[in-house]
Amino acid sequence: MADNHEVSHGDIYHKLGALEGKLDAVISSVSEKRSDLAEAFKRISQLERALAKWAGIALAASIIVPMIVTAAAPKLHFPTTQPASAESRQ
């Protein structure tokens, strides 16, 4: 038996309208995700710049601090004490 399905222009327009609505929702969702992704990349970029700045500061400090300590070492006099011998403790 052959099914006798008749499709009217109204049915086609109805299905096209539903499809168009779903497509608009997908486009809107993709656009929203794209803006969220752009915001995330912007924040990551800011974090990377801040990290690079602090890495540069740490590098400069690792070079400058030993130079300062080396230059100041001859002027620093630390008191030295001789360890007490076993005889003097008794």
N, C-alpha and C. Protein backbone atom coordinates (compact mmCIF):
# COMPACT_ATOMS: atom_id res chain seq x y z
N MET A 1 0.83 -1.18 0.00
CA MET A 1 0.00 0.00 0.00
C MET A 1 0.87 1.24 0.00
N ALA A 2 0.53 2.13 -0.80
CA ALA A 2 1.28 3.38 -0.87
C ALA A 2 0.65 4.39 0.06
N ASP A 3 1.51 5.04 0.86
CA ASP A 3 1.00 6.09 1.74
C ASP A 3 0.73 7.32 0.91
N ASN A 4 -0.34 7.93 1.17
CA ASN A 4 -0.70 9.10 0.41
C ASN A 4 -0.45 10.32 1.29
N HIS A 5 0.77 10.84 1.23
CA HIS A 5 1.13 12.02 2.02
C HIS A 5 1.09 13.23 1.12
N GLU A 6 0.30 14.13 1.49
CA GLU A 6 0.26 15.38 0.76
C GLU A 6 0.86 16.47 1.64
N VAL A 7 1.79 17.18 1.09
CA VAL A 7 2.45 18.25 1.81
C VAL A 7 2.02 19.57 1.18
N SER A 8 1.48 20.41 2.01
CA SER A 8 1.02 21.69 1.48
C SER A 8 2.12 22.73 1.61
N HIS A 9 1.93 23.81 0.91
CA HIS A 9 2.88 24.91 1.01
C HIS A 9 2.90 25.46 2.43
N GLY A 10 1.81 25.43 3.11
CA GLY A 10 1.74 25.89 4.50
C GLY A 10 2.62 25.03 5.40
N ASP A 11 2.61 23.69 5.17
CA ASP A 11 3.46 22.80 5.96
C ASP A 11 4.94 23.11 5.71
N ILE A 12 5.27 23.35 4.47
CA ILE A 12 6.67 23.66 4.13
C ILE A 12 7.08 24.97 4.78
N TYR A 13 6.23 25.98 4.68
CA TYR A 13 6.55 27.28 5.30
C TYR A 13 6.65 27.17 6.81
N HIS A 14 5.81 26.34 7.41
CA HIS A 14 5.86 26.14 8.86
C HIS A 14 7.19 25.50 9.25
N LYS A 15 7.59 24.46 8.53
CA LYS A 15 8.86 23.79 8.84
C LYS A 15 10.05 24.72 8.57
N LEU A 16 9.98 25.50 7.52
CA LEU A 16 11.05 26.47 7.24
C LEU A 16 11.13 27.52 8.34
N GLY A 17 9.99 27.96 8.84
CA GLY A 17 9.99 28.93 9.94
C GLY A 17 10.60 28.35 11.20
N ALA A 18 10.27 27.08 11.50
CA ALA A 18 10.86 26.43 12.67
C ALA A 18 12.37 26.28 12.50
N LEU A 19 12.78 25.90 11.29
CA LEU A 19 14.20 25.74 11.00
C LEU A 19 14.93 27.09 11.09
N GLU A 20 14.29 28.13 10.61
CA GLU A 20 14.87 29.47 10.68
C GLU A 20 15.03 29.92 12.13
N GLY A 21 14.05 29.62 12.97
CA GLY A 21 14.14 29.96 14.39
C GLY A 21 15.28 29.24 15.08
N LYS A 22 15.43 27.95 14.76
CA LYS A 22 16.53 27.18 15.35
C LYS A 22 17.88 27.71 14.86
N LEU A 23 17.96 28.06 13.59
CA LEU A 23 19.20 28.59 13.05
C LEU A 23 19.55 29.94 13.68
N ASP A 24 18.56 30.78 13.91
CA ASP A 24 18.81 32.06 14.60
C ASP A 24 19.32 31.83 16.01
N ALA A 25 18.78 30.82 16.70
CA ALA A 25 19.23 30.51 18.06
C ALA A 25 20.67 30.03 18.04
N VAL A 26 21.02 29.20 17.07
CA VAL A 26 22.40 28.70 16.96
C VAL A 26 23.35 29.86 16.65
N ILE A 27 22.98 30.73 15.74
CA ILE A 27 23.82 31.88 15.40
C ILE A 27 24.02 32.78 16.61
N SER A 28 22.96 33.01 17.35
CA SER A 28 23.06 33.83 18.56
C SER A 28 23.97 33.17 19.59
N SER A 29 23.84 31.87 19.75
CA SER A 29 24.68 31.14 20.71
C SER A 29 26.15 31.19 20.30
N VAL A 30 26.42 31.01 19.02
CA VAL A 30 27.80 31.06 18.53
C VAL A 30 28.37 32.46 18.73
N SER A 31 27.57 33.47 18.47
CA SER A 31 28.03 34.84 18.65
C SER A 31 28.35 35.11 20.12
N GLU A 32 27.52 34.61 21.00
CA GLU A 32 27.75 34.79 22.44
C GLU A 32 29.02 34.07 22.88
N LYS A 33 29.20 32.84 22.38
CA LYS A 33 30.41 32.07 22.73
C LYS A 33 31.65 32.75 22.18
N ARG A 34 31.53 33.34 20.99
CA ARG A 34 32.66 34.03 20.39
C ARG A 34 33.06 35.23 21.23
N SER A 35 32.08 35.98 21.73
CA SER A 35 32.41 37.14 22.57
C SER A 35 32.98 36.70 23.91
N ASP A 36 32.47 35.59 24.46
CA ASP A 36 33.04 35.04 25.70
C ASP A 36 34.49 34.62 25.48
N LEU A 37 34.76 34.00 24.35
CA LEU A 37 36.11 33.56 24.04
C LEU A 37 37.05 34.75 23.86
N ALA A 38 36.56 35.80 23.20
CA ALA A 38 37.37 37.01 23.03
C ALA A 38 37.70 37.63 24.38
N GLU A 39 36.73 37.65 25.29
CA GLU A 39 36.97 38.19 26.64
C GLU A 39 37.99 37.33 27.39
N ALA A 40 37.89 36.01 27.24
CA ALA A 40 38.84 35.12 27.92
C ALA A 40 40.26 35.34 27.38
N PHE A 41 40.40 35.47 26.06
CA PHE A 41 41.72 35.72 25.50
C PHE A 41 42.27 37.07 25.93
N LYS A 42 41.40 38.04 26.08
CA LYS A 42 41.83 39.36 26.56
C LYS A 42 42.38 39.25 27.98
N ARG A 43 41.68 38.52 28.84
CA ARG A 43 42.14 38.35 30.21
C ARG A 43 43.43 37.55 30.27
N ILE A 44 43.56 36.52 29.45
CA ILE A 44 44.79 35.73 29.41
C ILE A 44 45.95 36.60 28.96
N SER A 45 45.72 37.45 27.98
CA SER A 45 46.76 38.35 27.49
C SER A 45 47.22 39.29 28.60
N GLN A 46 46.28 39.82 29.38
CA GLN A 46 46.64 40.70 30.49
C GLN A 46 47.47 39.95 31.53
N LEU A 47 47.08 38.72 31.83
CA LEU A 47 47.84 37.91 32.79
C LEU A 47 49.24 37.61 32.28
N GLU A 48 49.37 37.31 31.00
CA GLU A 48 50.69 37.04 30.44
C GLU A 48 51.59 38.26 30.50
N ARG A 49 51.03 39.45 30.23
CA ARG A 49 51.82 40.67 30.31
C ARG A 49 52.27 40.92 31.75
N ALA A 50 51.37 40.72 32.71
CA ALA A 50 51.73 40.91 34.12
C ALA A 50 52.80 39.91 34.54
N LEU A 51 52.66 38.68 34.10
CA LEU A 51 53.64 37.65 34.43
C LEU A 51 55.00 37.99 33.83
N ALA A 52 55.01 38.48 32.61
CA ALA A 52 56.27 38.86 31.97
C ALA A 52 56.92 40.02 32.72
N LYS A 53 56.10 40.96 33.20
CA LYS A 53 56.64 42.10 33.95
C LYS A 53 57.30 41.61 35.23
N TRP A 54 56.61 40.74 35.98
CA TRP A 54 57.16 40.25 37.23
C TRP A 54 58.38 39.35 37.00
N ALA A 55 58.38 38.61 35.90
CA ALA A 55 59.56 37.79 35.58
C ALA A 55 60.75 38.70 35.29
N GLY A 56 60.52 39.81 34.61
CA GLY A 56 61.60 40.77 34.35
C GLY A 56 62.12 41.39 35.63
N ILE A 57 61.20 41.72 36.53
CA ILE A 57 61.61 42.29 37.82
C ILE A 57 62.43 41.28 38.61
N ALA A 58 61.98 40.02 38.61
CA ALA A 58 62.72 38.98 39.33
C ALA A 58 64.11 38.77 38.73
N LEU A 59 64.18 38.81 37.41
CA LEU A 59 65.48 38.64 36.75
C LEU A 59 66.42 39.80 37.11
N ALA A 60 65.90 41.02 37.06
CA ALA A 60 66.72 42.18 37.42
C ALA A 60 67.17 42.09 38.88
N ALA A 61 66.27 41.68 39.76
CA ALA A 61 66.63 41.55 41.18
C ALA A 61 67.68 40.47 41.38
N SER A 62 67.59 39.37 40.61
CA SER A 62 68.57 38.29 40.76
C SER A 62 69.96 38.71 40.28
N ILE A 63 70.01 39.74 39.48
CA ILE A 63 71.31 40.26 39.03
C ILE A 63 71.80 41.37 39.96
N ILE A 64 70.92 42.26 40.36
CA ILE A 64 71.31 43.44 41.14
C ILE A 64 71.63 43.10 42.59
N VAL A 65 70.82 42.27 43.22
CA VAL A 65 71.02 41.97 44.65
C VAL A 65 72.38 41.33 44.91
N PRO A 66 72.82 40.33 44.14
CA PRO A 66 74.17 39.79 44.40
C PRO A 66 75.27 40.82 44.18
N MET A 67 75.07 41.73 43.21
CA MET A 67 76.08 42.77 42.99
C MET A 67 76.15 43.70 44.20
N ILE A 68 75.02 44.05 44.77
CA ILE A 68 74.99 44.92 45.95
C ILE A 68 75.64 44.22 47.14
N VAL A 69 75.32 42.96 47.33
CA VAL A 69 75.90 42.21 48.46
C VAL A 69 77.40 42.07 48.27
N THR A 70 77.85 41.79 47.06
CA THR A 70 79.28 41.67 46.80
C THR A 70 79.99 43.00 47.04
N ALA A 71 79.38 44.09 46.63
CA ALA A 71 79.99 45.41 46.83
C ALA A 71 80.00 45.79 48.31
N ALA A 72 78.99 45.41 49.05
CA ALA A 72 78.90 45.79 50.46
C ALA A 72 79.63 44.82 51.38
N ALA A 73 80.01 43.66 50.91
CA ALA A 73 80.63 42.63 51.75
C ALA A 73 81.90 43.10 52.45
N PRO A 74 82.79 43.80 51.79
CA PRO A 74 84.01 44.23 52.51
C PRO A 74 83.72 45.21 53.64
N LYS A 75 82.62 45.93 53.55
CA LYS A 75 82.30 46.92 54.58
C LYS A 75 81.52 46.31 55.73
N LEU A 76 81.01 45.11 55.53
CA LEU A 76 80.24 44.45 56.59
C LEU A 76 81.18 43.62 57.44
N HIS A 77 81.08 43.83 58.74
CA HIS A 77 81.92 43.06 59.65
C HIS A 77 81.00 42.30 60.59
N PHE A 78 81.04 41.02 60.46
CA PHE A 78 80.23 40.18 61.34
C PHE A 78 81.11 39.68 62.47
N PRO A 79 80.62 39.80 63.68
CA PRO A 79 81.44 39.31 64.80
C PRO A 79 81.57 37.79 64.71
N THR A 80 82.78 37.38 64.91
CA THR A 80 83.02 35.93 64.88
C THR A 80 83.38 35.48 66.28
N THR A 81 82.84 34.40 66.67
CA THR A 81 83.16 33.84 67.99
C THR A 81 83.75 32.47 67.77
N GLN A 82 84.70 32.18 68.60
CA GLN A 82 85.31 30.87 68.53
C GLN A 82 84.43 29.89 69.28
N PRO A 83 84.23 28.73 68.74
CA PRO A 83 83.42 27.76 69.48
C PRO A 83 84.13 27.36 70.76
N ALA A 84 83.37 27.25 71.81
CA ALA A 84 83.94 26.92 73.12
C ALA A 84 84.45 25.49 73.07
N SER A 85 85.61 25.34 73.64
CA SER A 85 86.20 23.99 73.66
C SER A 85 85.55 23.19 74.79
N ALA A 86 85.73 21.93 74.76
CA ALA A 86 85.13 21.05 75.75
C ALA A 86 85.73 21.32 77.14
N GLU A 87 87.00 21.75 77.21
CA GLU A 87 87.64 22.00 78.49
C GLU A 87 87.08 23.25 79.16
N SER A 88 86.76 24.28 78.36
CA SER A 88 86.31 25.52 78.97
C SER A 88 84.84 25.42 79.42
N ARG A 89 84.13 24.47 78.95
CA ARG A 89 82.72 24.31 79.35
C ARG A 89 82.59 23.68 80.74
N GLN A 90 83.62 23.03 81.19
CA GLN A 90 83.51 22.34 82.49
C GLN A 90 83.85 23.20 83.62
